[in-house]
Amino acid sequence: LKLGLQYDNGIEISATYLMNEGTILVYEYNAKCGNETEELRFTSEQSKAETFQGLINNHVFEKIGIDKATIRFHVDYIGPMRIDPERIITFEGLKQYNTVGIKGEHTYSILLNSYLQDGVLFEKVSSWMEENLEGQKLIIEQNSPSSGTYSIYVHRNGAKVNISDVGQGLGQVLPVIVQSYMSDNIDVAIVEQPALHLHPAAHANVAYRLAESALTTNKKYIIETHSENIILAIRKLISDPNSDLSPNDVIIYFIDTDGESAYLDKIMINQSGELTNWPTGVFSESFDLMAEIMKNRK
């Protein structure tokens, strides 16, 4: 596996990795700054002795004059399992949050802070839910005038339910949607299973939201998903002449094995929404089951 970055100021960095006894090691490392170039190749033992911070090697940077401050970018990560929604939220003062947290643990404080300030972020999230999750809208109420505690409710068809009492899908997707609307300095957002526990009919709406966020904020998303509908939604956007999403904006990597090791299979989407190649048997379950049903009818 090889990863690399090129910056507008002429700095280029790349690293080639290998797996050794279950440990990922840097095999080759290249850095270029102006006319200065450093190319290194390591044995397994040498690699273990080197210190890397992502693609940063302090020794090499100092040697060829790369200022780390000029190349840093901010990465955010939302893990595959978010915390359950909080029944009661204690207001602890207006804090500045740059991320919802790995488990979405800051989500509800962020919504409360927005509600108590200008309400912009809160209204965007609530409106998205109402439009895309079957009319479910968020409301916040203070539990008592002097308690300093609040609760978030889901309002739909005249019924009001505490957010901790609704289905798991809402609690899992809410941190993802909140982060997508936040004004932050995140360059790369990594999201695992963004539509976890959500009804399949809503998966496409999540994909549309993440695509819109990427286009409007210039934020790069790395999304891990098992959802066929998310991929279909991205293909649909690319094929739509009224959409700004283009084939150059999306790459799919399928992790496959050859019996001995794992590798990444690169898949592109063309302007018609067609896949350049697709692994045999992936997402074929529906077709296979329908074939069995038809067979049983005979």
C-alpha atoms as a PDB file:
ATOM      1  CA  LEU A   1       0.000   0.000   0.000  1.00  0.00           C
ATOM      2  CA  LYS A   2       1.354   3.410  -0.971  1.00  0.00           C
ATOM      3  CA  LEU A   3       0.085   6.753   0.317  1.00  0.00           C
ATOM      4  CA  GLY A   4       1.240  10.166  -0.808  1.00  0.00           C
ATOM      5  CA  LEU A   5       0.483  13.876  -0.600  1.00  0.00           C
ATOM      6  CA  GLN A   6       1.330  16.756  -2.921  1.00  0.00           C
ATOM      7  CA  TYR A   7       1.025  20.358  -1.742  1.00  0.00           C
ATOM      8  CA  ASP A   8       0.676  23.556  -3.732  1.00  0.00           C
ATOM      9  CA  ASN A   9       3.967  24.814  -2.245  1.00  0.00           C
ATOM     10  CA  GLY A  10       5.869  22.006  -3.999  1.00  0.00           C
ATOM     11  CA  ILE A  11       6.251  19.657  -1.032  1.00  0.00           C
ATOM     12  CA  GLU A  12       5.700  15.983  -1.864  1.00  0.00           C
ATOM     13  CA  ILE A  13       5.601  13.120   0.648  1.00  0.00           C
ATOM     14  CA  SER A  14       4.923   9.430   0.103  1.00  0.00           C
ATOM     15  CA  ALA A  15       5.298   6.187   2.019  1.00  0.00           C
ATOM     16  CA  THR A  16       5.020   2.553   0.984  1.00  0.00           C
ATOM     17  CA  TYR A  17       3.857   0.151   3.683  1.00  0.00           C
ATOM     18  CA  LEU A  18       4.189  -3.577   4.206  1.00  0.00           C
ATOM     19  CA  MET A  19       2.819  -6.046   6.726  1.00  0.00           C
ATOM     20  CA  ASN A  20       5.349  -7.923   8.846  1.00  0.00           C
ATOM     21  CA  GLU A  21       4.088 -10.447  11.384  1.00  0.00           C
ATOM     22  CA  GLY A  22       0.881  -8.504  11.850  1.00  0.00           C
ATOM     23  CA  THR A  23       2.620  -5.114  12.144  1.00  0.00           C
ATOM     24  CA  ILE A  24       2.347  -2.384   9.490  1.00  0.00           C
ATOM     25  CA  LEU A  25       5.792  -0.975   8.712  1.00  0.00           C
ATOM     26  CA  VAL A  26       7.124   1.722   6.410  1.00  0.00           C
ATOM     27  CA  TYR A  27       9.126   0.076   3.610  1.00  0.00           C
ATOM     28  CA  GLU A  28       9.964   3.115   1.464  1.00  0.00           C
ATOM     29  CA  TYR A  29       9.756   6.803   2.315  1.00  0.00           C
ATOM     30  CA  ASN A  30      10.181   9.773  -0.016  1.00  0.00           C
ATOM     31  CA  ALA A  31      10.069  13.486   0.729  1.00  0.00           C
ATOM     32  CA  LYS A  32      10.718  16.434  -1.581  1.00  0.00           C
ATOM     33  CA  CYS A  33      10.974  20.139  -0.797  1.00  0.00           C
ATOM     34  CA  GLY A  34      12.069  22.370  -3.667  1.00  0.00           C
ATOM     35  CA  ASN A  35      15.308  20.906  -5.020  1.00  0.00           C
ATOM     36  CA  GLU A  36      15.908  18.822  -1.900  1.00  0.00           C
ATOM     37  CA  THR A  37      14.875  15.168  -2.022  1.00  0.00           C
ATOM     38  CA  GLU A  38      15.266  12.383   0.510  1.00  0.00           C
ATOM     39  CA  GLU A  39      14.578   8.771  -0.455  1.00  0.00           C
ATOM     40  CA  LEU A  40      14.803   6.012   2.151  1.00  0.00           C
ATOM     41  CA  ARG A  41      14.285   2.272   2.153  1.00  0.00           C
ATOM     42  CA  PHE A  42      14.078   0.321   5.389  1.00  0.00           C
ATOM     43  CA  THR A  43      14.486  -3.228   6.533  1.00  0.00           C
ATOM     44  CA  SER A  44      11.868  -4.404   9.021  1.00  0.00           C
ATOM     45  CA  GLU A  45      14.151  -3.711  11.980  1.00  0.00           C
ATOM     46  CA  GLN A  46      15.135  -0.277  10.684  1.00  0.00           C
ATOM     47  CA  SER A  47      11.486   0.647  10.167  1.00  0.00           C
ATOM     48  CA  LYS A  48      10.617  -0.329  13.735  1.00  0.00           C
ATOM     49  CA  ALA A  49      13.336   2.044  14.958  1.00  0.00           C
ATOM     50  CA  GLU A  50      12.028   4.987  12.908  1.00  0.00           C
ATOM     51  CA  THR A  51       9.387   7.329  14.289  1.00  0.00           C
ATOM     52  CA  PHE A  52       6.548   8.342  11.988  1.00  0.00           C
ATOM     53  CA  GLN A  53       3.573  10.563  12.709  1.00  0.00           C
ATOM     54  CA  GLY A  54       1.384   9.599   9.796  1.00  0.00           C
ATOM     55  CA  LEU A  55       3.506  10.688   6.825  1.00  0.00           C
ATOM     56  CA  ILE A  56       5.752  12.901   8.953  1.00  0.00           C
ATOM     57  CA  ASN A  57       9.306  11.875   9.781  1.00  0.00           C
ATOM     58  CA  ASN A  58      10.947  14.567  11.916  1.00  0.00           C
ATOM     59  CA  HIS A  59      14.517  13.623  10.959  1.00  0.00           C
ATOM     60  CA  VAL A  60      13.815  13.845   7.232  1.00  0.00           C
ATOM     61  CA  PHE A  61      11.811  17.047   7.576  1.00  0.00           C
ATOM     62  CA  GLU A  62      14.638  18.756   9.444  1.00  0.00           C
ATOM     63  CA  LYS A  63      17.212  17.519   6.946  1.00  0.00           C
ATOM     64  CA  ILE A  64      15.536  18.935   3.838  1.00  0.00           C
ATOM     65  CA  GLY A  65      13.887  21.940   5.497  1.00  0.00           C
ATOM     66  CA  ILE A  66      10.173  21.103   5.616  1.00  0.00           C
ATOM     67  CA  ASP A  67       8.214  23.141   8.158  1.00  0.00           C
ATOM     68  CA  LYS A  68       5.552  20.844   9.628  1.00  0.00           C
ATOM     69  CA  ALA A  69       3.227  23.789  10.195  1.00  0.00           C
ATOM     70  CA  THR A  70       2.900  24.265   6.424  1.00  0.00           C
ATOM     71  CA  ILE A  71       1.635  20.749   5.706  1.00  0.00           C
ATOM     72  CA  ARG A  72      -0.514  19.783   8.649  1.00  0.00           C
ATOM     73  CA  PHE A  73      -4.114  18.917   7.970  1.00  0.00           C
ATOM     74  CA  HIS A  74      -6.839  18.086  10.436  1.00  0.00           C
ATOM     75  CA  VAL A  75      -8.467  14.661  10.481  1.00  0.00           C
ATOM     76  CA  ASP A  76     -11.675  13.793  12.298  1.00  0.00           C
ATOM     77  CA  TYR A  77     -12.919  10.286  13.027  1.00  0.00           C
ATOM     78  CA  ILE A  78     -16.392   9.051  13.923  1.00  0.00           C
ATOM     79  CA  GLY A  79     -16.285   5.409  14.950  1.00  0.00           C
ATOM     80  CA  PRO A  80     -18.701   2.621  13.985  1.00  0.00           C
ATOM     81  CA  MET A  81     -20.713   2.645  17.232  1.00  0.00           C
ATOM     82  CA  ARG A  82     -21.993   5.942  18.614  1.00  0.00           C
ATOM     83  CA  ILE A  83     -23.166   6.377  22.212  1.00  0.00           C
ATOM     84  CA  ASP A  84     -26.856   6.146  23.060  1.00  0.00           C
ATOM     85  CA  PRO A  85     -28.676   9.497  23.151  1.00  0.00           C
ATOM     86  CA  GLU A  86     -28.716  11.235  26.520  1.00  0.00           C
ATOM     87  CA  ARG A  87     -32.079  11.539  28.295  1.00  0.00           C
ATOM     88  CA  ILE A  88     -30.998  14.618  30.247  1.00  0.00           C
ATOM     89  CA  ILE A  89     -28.318  17.108  29.164  1.00  0.00           C
ATOM     90  CA  THR A  90     -26.658  19.333  31.726  1.00  0.00           C
ATOM     91  CA  PHE A  91     -25.720  22.780  30.474  1.00  0.00           C
ATOM     92  CA  GLU A  92     -22.100  23.383  31.447  1.00  0.00           C
ATOM     93  CA  GLY A  93     -21.555  26.722  29.782  1.00  0.00           C
ATOM     94  CA  LEU A  94     -21.042  27.569  26.153  1.00  0.00           C
ATOM     95  CA  LYS A  95     -18.084  25.487  25.026  1.00  0.00           C
ATOM     96  CA  GLN A  96     -16.393  25.356  21.650  1.00  0.00           C
ATOM     97  CA  TYR A  97     -16.482  21.882  20.127  1.00  0.00           C
ATOM     98  CA  ASN A  98     -14.574  21.137  16.923  1.00  0.00           C
ATOM     99  CA  THR A  99     -15.916  17.607  16.593  1.00  0.00           C
ATOM    100  CA  VAL A 100     -18.773  15.433  17.798  1.00  0.00           C
ATOM    101  CA  GLY A 101     -16.214  12.955  19.153  1.00  0.00           C
ATOM    102  CA  ILE A 102     -15.206   9.436  18.186  1.00  0.00           C
ATOM    103  CA  LYS A 103     -18.380   7.993  19.734  1.00  0.00           C
ATOM    104  CA  GLY A 104     -20.520  11.062  19.109  1.00  0.00           C
ATOM    105  CA  GLU A 105     -20.228  11.960  22.780  1.00  0.00           C
ATOM    106  CA  HIS A 106     -20.327  15.737  22.178  1.00  0.00           C
ATOM    107  CA  THR A 107     -23.326  15.651  19.834  1.00  0.00           C
ATOM    108  CA  TYR A 108     -26.008  16.580  22.347  1.00  0.00           C
ATOM    109  CA  SER A 109     -23.993  19.344  24.014  1.00  0.00           C
ATOM    110  CA  ILE A 110     -23.291  20.797  20.564  1.00  0.00           C
ATOM    111  CA  LEU A 111     -27.004  20.809  19.733  1.00  0.00           C
ATOM    112  CA  LEU A 112     -27.861  22.380  23.095  1.00  0.00           C
ATOM    113  CA  ASN A 113     -25.187  25.073  22.722  1.00  0.00           C
ATOM    114  CA  SER A 114     -26.481  25.925  19.260  1.00  0.00           C
ATOM    115  CA  TYR A 115     -30.067  26.048  20.507  1.00  0.00           C
ATOM    116  CA  LEU A 116     -29.127  28.437  23.337  1.00  0.00           C
ATOM    117  CA  GLN A 117     -27.061  30.689  21.052  1.00  0.00           C
ATOM    118  CA  ASP A 118     -28.204  31.434  17.506  1.00  0.00           C
ATOM    119  CA  GLY A 119     -29.948  28.132  16.769  1.00  0.00           C
ATOM    120  CA  VAL A 120     -28.499  27.904  13.251  1.00  0.00           C
ATOM    121  CA  LEU A 121     -26.857  24.480  13.501  1.00  0.00           C
ATOM    122  CA  PHE A 122     -29.737  23.076  15.554  1.00  0.00           C
ATOM    123  CA  GLU A 123     -32.309  24.198  12.974  1.00  0.00           C
ATOM    124  CA  LYS A 124     -30.292  22.787  10.076  1.00  0.00           C
ATOM    125  CA  VAL A 125     -30.062  19.382  11.736  1.00  0.00           C
ATOM    126  CA  SER A 126     -33.712  19.388  12.798  1.00  0.00           C
ATOM    127  CA  SER A 127     -34.863  20.424   9.315  1.00  0.00           C
ATOM    128  CA  TRP A 128     -32.762  17.707   7.701  1.00  0.00           C
ATOM    129  CA  MET A 129     -34.344  15.122   9.996  1.00  0.00           C
ATOM    130  CA  GLU A 130     -37.841  16.366   9.266  1.00  0.00           C
ATOM    131  CA  GLU A 131     -37.255  16.212   5.506  1.00  0.00           C
ATOM    132  CA  ASN A 132     -35.370  12.925   5.384  1.00  0.00           C
ATOM    133  CA  LEU A 133     -36.451  10.833   8.376  1.00  0.00           C
ATOM    134  CA  GLU A 134     -40.213  10.658   7.937  1.00  0.00           C
ATOM    135  CA  GLY A 135     -41.080  14.005   9.486  1.00  0.00           C
ATOM    136  CA  GLN A 136     -39.156  13.575  12.735  1.00  0.00           C
ATOM    137  CA  LYS A 137     -38.198  16.976  14.121  1.00  0.00           C
ATOM    138  CA  LEU A 138     -36.030  17.890  17.111  1.00  0.00           C
ATOM    139  CA  ILE A 139     -37.194  20.117  19.936  1.00  0.00           C
ATOM    140  CA  ILE A 140     -35.359  21.057  23.147  1.00  0.00           C
ATOM    141  CA  GLU A 141     -37.030  21.826  26.450  1.00  0.00           C
ATOM    142  CA  GLN A 142     -35.616  22.910  29.793  1.00  0.00           C
ATOM    143  CA  ASN A 143     -36.603  20.477  32.527  1.00  0.00           C
ATOM    144  CA  SER A 144     -37.209  23.234  35.102  1.00  0.00           C
ATOM    145  CA  PRO A 145     -36.350  26.951  35.257  1.00  0.00           C
ATOM    146  CA  SER A 146     -33.496  26.527  37.731  1.00  0.00           C
ATOM    147  CA  SER A 147     -32.288  22.992  36.994  1.00  0.00           C
ATOM    148  CA  GLY A 148     -29.741  23.806  34.322  1.00  0.00           C
ATOM    149  CA  THR A 149     -30.773  20.600  32.565  1.00  0.00           C
ATOM    150  CA  TYR A 150     -32.476  20.090  29.231  1.00  0.00           C
ATOM    151  CA  SER A 151     -33.914  17.222  27.216  1.00  0.00           C
ATOM    152  CA  ILE A 152     -34.066  16.673  23.468  1.00  0.00           C
ATOM    153  CA  TYR A 153     -37.313  15.319  22.071  1.00  0.00           C
ATOM    154  CA  VAL A 154     -38.320  13.924  18.709  1.00  0.00           C
ATOM    155  CA  HIS A 155     -41.598  15.438  17.531  1.00  0.00           C
ATOM    156  CA  ARG A 156     -43.698  13.729  14.876  1.00  0.00           C
ATOM    157  CA  ASN A 157     -47.414  13.794  14.068  1.00  0.00           C
ATOM    158  CA  GLY A 158     -48.188  15.617  17.295  1.00  0.00           C
ATOM    159  CA  ALA A 159     -46.352  13.089  19.487  1.00  0.00           C
ATOM    160  CA  LYS A 160     -43.284  14.014  21.540  1.00  0.00           C
ATOM    161  CA  VAL A 161     -40.787  11.335  22.596  1.00  0.00           C
ATOM    162  CA  ASN A 162     -37.483  11.722  24.444  1.00  0.00           C
ATOM    163  CA  ILE A 163     -34.668  11.052  21.999  1.00  0.00           C
ATOM    164  CA  SER A 164     -33.327   8.301  24.263  1.00  0.00           C
ATOM    165  CA  ASP A 165     -36.555   6.342  23.698  1.00  0.00           C
ATOM    166  CA  VAL A 166     -36.592   6.277  19.890  1.00  0.00           C
ATOM    167  CA  GLY A 167     -34.995   3.662  17.635  1.00  0.00           C
ATOM    168  CA  GLN A 168     -31.235   3.163  17.600  1.00  0.00           C
ATOM    169  CA  GLY A 169     -30.899   4.345  14.023  1.00  0.00           C
ATOM    170  CA  LEU A 170     -31.589   7.969  14.907  1.00  0.00           C
ATOM    171  CA  GLY A 171     -29.007   8.001  17.692  1.00  0.00           C
ATOM    172  CA  GLN A 172     -26.422   6.463  15.384  1.00  0.00           C
ATOM    173  CA  VAL A 173     -26.910   8.827  12.445  1.00  0.00           C
ATOM    174  CA  LEU A 174     -27.396  12.066  14.418  1.00  0.00           C
ATOM    175  CA  PRO A 175     -23.667  12.602  15.218  1.00  0.00           C
ATOM    176  CA  VAL A 176     -22.841  12.100  11.528  1.00  0.00           C
ATOM    177  CA  ILE A 177     -25.394  14.680  10.411  1.00  0.00           C
ATOM    178  CA  VAL A 178     -24.384  17.171  13.118  1.00  0.00           C
ATOM    179  CA  GLN A 179     -20.729  16.925  12.103  1.00  0.00           C
ATOM    180  CA  SER A 180     -21.627  17.383   8.430  1.00  0.00           C
ATOM    181  CA  TYR A 181     -23.183  20.778   9.217  1.00  0.00           C
ATOM    182  CA  MET A 182     -20.506  22.029  11.604  1.00  0.00           C
ATOM    183  CA  SER A 183     -18.278  24.910  10.560  1.00  0.00           C
ATOM    184  CA  ASP A 184     -14.883  23.503  11.452  1.00  0.00           C
ATOM    185  CA  ASN A 185     -11.360  23.258  10.125  1.00  0.00           C
ATOM    186  CA  ILE A 186     -11.530  19.526   9.413  1.00  0.00           C
ATOM    187  CA  ASP A 187      -9.810  18.567   6.163  1.00  0.00           C
ATOM    188  CA  VAL A 188     -10.526  14.831   6.201  1.00  0.00           C
ATOM    189  CA  ALA A 189     -13.525  13.263   7.954  1.00  0.00           C
ATOM    190  CA  ILE A 190     -13.481   9.502   8.486  1.00  0.00           C
ATOM    191  CA  VAL A 191     -16.899   7.989   9.177  1.00  0.00           C
ATOM    192  CA  GLU A 192     -17.565   4.325   9.826  1.00  0.00           C
ATOM    193  CA  GLN A 193     -21.022   2.916   9.089  1.00  0.00           C
ATOM    194  CA  PRO A 194     -22.811   6.281   8.791  1.00  0.00           C
ATOM    195  CA  ALA A 195     -26.220   4.631   8.346  1.00  0.00           C
ATOM    196  CA  LEU A 196     -25.882   1.991  11.073  1.00  0.00           C
ATOM    197  CA  HIS A 197     -29.266   0.702  12.361  1.00  0.00           C
ATOM    198  CA  LEU A 198     -31.046   3.140  10.053  1.00  0.00           C
ATOM    199  CA  HIS A 199     -33.897   1.955   7.828  1.00  0.00           C
ATOM    200  CA  PRO A 200     -32.486   1.106   4.358  1.00  0.00           C
ATOM    201  CA  ALA A 201     -34.872   3.608   2.766  1.00  0.00           C
ATOM    202  CA  ALA A 202     -33.007   6.435   4.528  1.00  0.00           C
ATOM    203  CA  HIS A 203     -29.487   5.354   3.552  1.00  0.00           C
ATOM    204  CA  ALA A 204     -29.568   7.329   0.308  1.00  0.00           C
ATOM    205  CA  ASN A 205     -30.508  10.521   2.155  1.00  0.00           C
ATOM    206  CA  VAL A 206     -27.451  10.131   4.390  1.00  0.00           C
ATOM    207  CA  ALA A 207     -25.268   9.688   1.302  1.00  0.00           C
ATOM    208  CA  TYR A 208     -26.749  12.813  -0.297  1.00  0.00           C
ATOM    209  CA  ARG A 209     -26.026  14.816   2.866  1.00  0.00           C
ATOM    210  CA  LEU A 210     -22.398  13.704   3.063  1.00  0.00           C
ATOM    211  CA  ALA A 211     -21.900  14.458  -0.630  1.00  0.00           C
ATOM    212  CA  GLU A 212     -23.386  17.929  -0.178  1.00  0.00           C
ATOM    213  CA  SER A 213     -21.140  18.538   2.832  1.00  0.00           C
ATOM    214  CA  ALA A 214     -18.076  17.482   0.847  1.00  0.00           C
ATOM    215  CA  LEU A 215     -18.938  19.798  -2.031  1.00  0.00           C
ATOM    216  CA  THR A 216     -19.889  22.858   0.018  1.00  0.00           C
ATOM    217  CA  THR A 217     -17.092  22.704   2.615  1.00  0.00           C
ATOM    218  CA  ASN A 218     -14.321  21.167   0.469  1.00  0.00           C
ATOM    219  CA  LYS A 219     -14.084  18.501   3.156  1.00  0.00           C
ATOM    220  CA  LYS A 220     -12.795  15.074   2.141  1.00  0.00           C
ATOM    221  CA  TYR A 221     -14.734  12.071   3.413  1.00  0.00           C
ATOM    222  CA  ILE A 222     -13.464   8.540   3.926  1.00  0.00           C
ATOM    223  CA  ILE A 223     -16.571   6.406   4.450  1.00  0.00           C
ATOM    224  CA  GLU A 224     -16.611   2.762   5.503  1.00  0.00           C
ATOM    225  CA  THR A 225     -19.934   1.162   4.681  1.00  0.00           C
ATOM    226  CA  HIS A 226     -21.698  -2.125   4.032  1.00  0.00           C
ATOM    227  CA  SER A 227     -24.713  -0.340   2.549  1.00  0.00           C
ATOM    228  CA  GLU A 228     -25.565  -0.999  -1.074  1.00  0.00           C
ATOM    229  CA  ASN A 229     -27.997   1.920  -1.025  1.00  0.00           C
ATOM    230  CA  ILE A 230     -25.275   4.407  -0.069  1.00  0.00           C
ATOM    231  CA  ILE A 231     -23.203   3.353  -3.070  1.00  0.00           C
ATOM    232  CA  LEU A 232     -26.260   3.422  -5.349  1.00  0.00           C
ATOM    233  CA  ALA A 233     -27.068   6.942  -4.130  1.00  0.00           C
ATOM    234  CA  ILE A 234     -23.557   8.186  -4.935  1.00  0.00           C
ATOM    235  CA  ARG A 235     -23.780   6.585  -8.383  1.00  0.00           C
ATOM    236  CA  LYS A 236     -27.135   8.288  -8.907  1.00  0.00           C
ATOM    237  CA  LEU A 237     -25.686  11.697  -7.967  1.00  0.00           C
ATOM    238  CA  ILE A 238     -22.793  11.309 -10.393  1.00  0.00           C
ATOM    239  CA  SER A 239     -25.144  10.337 -13.221  1.00  0.00           C
ATOM    240  CA  ASP A 240     -27.498  13.259 -12.498  1.00  0.00           C
ATOM    241  CA  PRO A 241     -26.747  16.182 -14.866  1.00  0.00           C
ATOM    242  CA  ASN A 242     -28.099  18.585 -12.234  1.00  0.00           C
ATOM    243  CA  SER A 243     -25.669  17.347  -9.564  1.00  0.00           C
ATOM    244  CA  ASP A 244     -22.241  18.884  -8.974  1.00  0.00           C
ATOM    245  CA  LEU A 245     -20.727  15.539  -7.959  1.00  0.00           C
ATOM    246  CA  SER A 246     -18.414  14.211 -10.678  1.00  0.00           C
ATOM    247  CA  PRO A 247     -16.544  10.931 -11.272  1.00  0.00           C
ATOM    248  CA  ASN A 248     -13.342  12.663 -10.150  1.00  0.00           C
ATOM    249  CA  ASP A 249     -14.842  13.273  -6.713  1.00  0.00           C
ATOM    250  CA  VAL A 250     -15.365   9.625  -5.755  1.00  0.00           C
ATOM    251  CA  ILE A 251     -13.227   6.492  -5.501  1.00  0.00           C
ATOM    252  CA  ILE A 252     -14.450   3.184  -4.105  1.00  0.00           C
ATOM    253  CA  TYR A 253     -11.993   0.763  -2.534  1.00  0.00           C
ATOM    254  CA  PHE A 254     -13.141  -2.796  -1.928  1.00  0.00           C
ATOM    255  CA  ILE A 255     -11.044  -4.793   0.530  1.00  0.00           C
ATOM    256  CA  ASP A 256     -10.520  -8.276  -0.888  1.00  0.00           C
ATOM    257  CA  THR A 257      -8.262 -11.224  -0.136  1.00  0.00           C
ATOM    258  CA  ASP A 258      -6.268 -13.569  -2.316  1.00  0.00           C
ATOM    259  CA  GLY A 259      -6.144 -16.365   0.236  1.00  0.00           C
ATOM    260  CA  GLU A 260      -2.931 -15.152   1.854  1.00  0.00           C
ATOM    261  CA  SER A 261      -3.298 -11.419   2.351  1.00  0.00           C
ATOM    262  CA  ALA A 262      -5.741  -8.531   1.958  1.00  0.00           C
ATOM    263  CA  TYR A 263      -5.537  -5.909  -0.772  1.00  0.00           C
ATOM    264  CA  LEU A 264      -7.472  -2.874  -1.993  1.00  0.00           C
ATOM    265  CA  ASP A 265      -9.404  -3.171  -5.244  1.00  0.00           C
ATOM    266  CA  LYS A 266      -9.932   0.273  -6.796  1.00  0.00           C
ATOM    267  CA  ILE A 267     -13.338   0.912  -8.378  1.00  0.00           C
ATOM    268  CA  MET A 268     -14.304   4.045 -10.276  1.00  0.00           C
ATOM    269  CA  ILE A 269     -17.732   5.419 -11.222  1.00  0.00           C
ATOM    270  CA  ASN A 270     -18.136   6.887 -14.716  1.00  0.00           C
ATOM    271  CA  GLN A 271     -20.369   9.802 -15.724  1.00  0.00           C
ATOM    272  CA  SER A 272     -23.256   7.424 -16.385  1.00  0.00           C
ATOM    273  CA  GLY A 273     -23.062   6.073 -12.842  1.00  0.00           C
ATOM    274  CA  GLU A 274     -21.623   2.768 -14.008  1.00  0.00           C
ATOM    275  CA  LEU A 275     -18.861   0.981 -12.115  1.00  0.00           C
ATOM    276  CA  THR A 276     -15.586   0.266 -13.879  1.00  0.00           C
ATOM    277  CA  ASN A 277     -15.436  -3.138 -12.218  1.00  0.00           C
ATOM    278  CA  TRP A 278     -17.208  -4.818  -9.342  1.00  0.00           C
ATOM    279  CA  PRO A 279     -16.171  -7.873  -7.327  1.00  0.00           C
ATOM    280  CA  THR A 280     -18.172 -10.977  -8.109  1.00  0.00           C
ATOM    281  CA  GLY A 281     -20.803 -11.836  -5.532  1.00  0.00           C
ATOM    282  CA  VAL A 282     -20.773  -8.519  -3.661  1.00  0.00           C
ATOM    283  CA  PHE A 283     -24.304  -7.196  -3.009  1.00  0.00           C
ATOM    284  CA  SER A 284     -25.733 -10.091  -5.028  1.00  0.00           C
ATOM    285  CA  GLU A 285     -27.777 -11.501  -2.149  1.00  0.00           C
ATOM    286  CA  SER A 286     -31.109  -9.956  -3.236  1.00  0.00           C
ATOM    287  CA  PHE A 287     -30.765 -11.303  -6.771  1.00  0.00           C
ATOM    288  CA  ASP A 288     -29.708 -14.723  -5.503  1.00  0.00           C
ATOM    289  CA  LEU A 289     -32.635 -14.929  -3.083  1.00  0.00           C
ATOM    290  CA  MET A 290     -35.112 -13.871  -5.771  1.00  0.00           C
ATOM    291  CA  ALA A 291     -33.678 -16.547  -8.041  1.00  0.00           C
ATOM    292  CA  GLU A 292     -34.275 -19.114  -5.300  1.00  0.00           C
ATOM    293  CA  ILE A 293     -37.856 -17.870  -4.845  1.00  0.00           C
ATOM    294  CA  MET A 294     -38.524 -18.201  -8.576  1.00  0.00           C
ATOM    295  CA  LYS A 295     -36.972 -21.651  -8.527  1.00  0.00           C
ATOM    296  CA  ASN A 296     -39.243 -22.712  -5.657  1.00  0.00           C
ATOM    297  CA  ARG A 297     -42.329 -21.656  -7.620  1.00  0.00           C
ATOM    298  CA  LYS A 298     -41.723 -24.317 -10.230  1.00  0.00           C
END
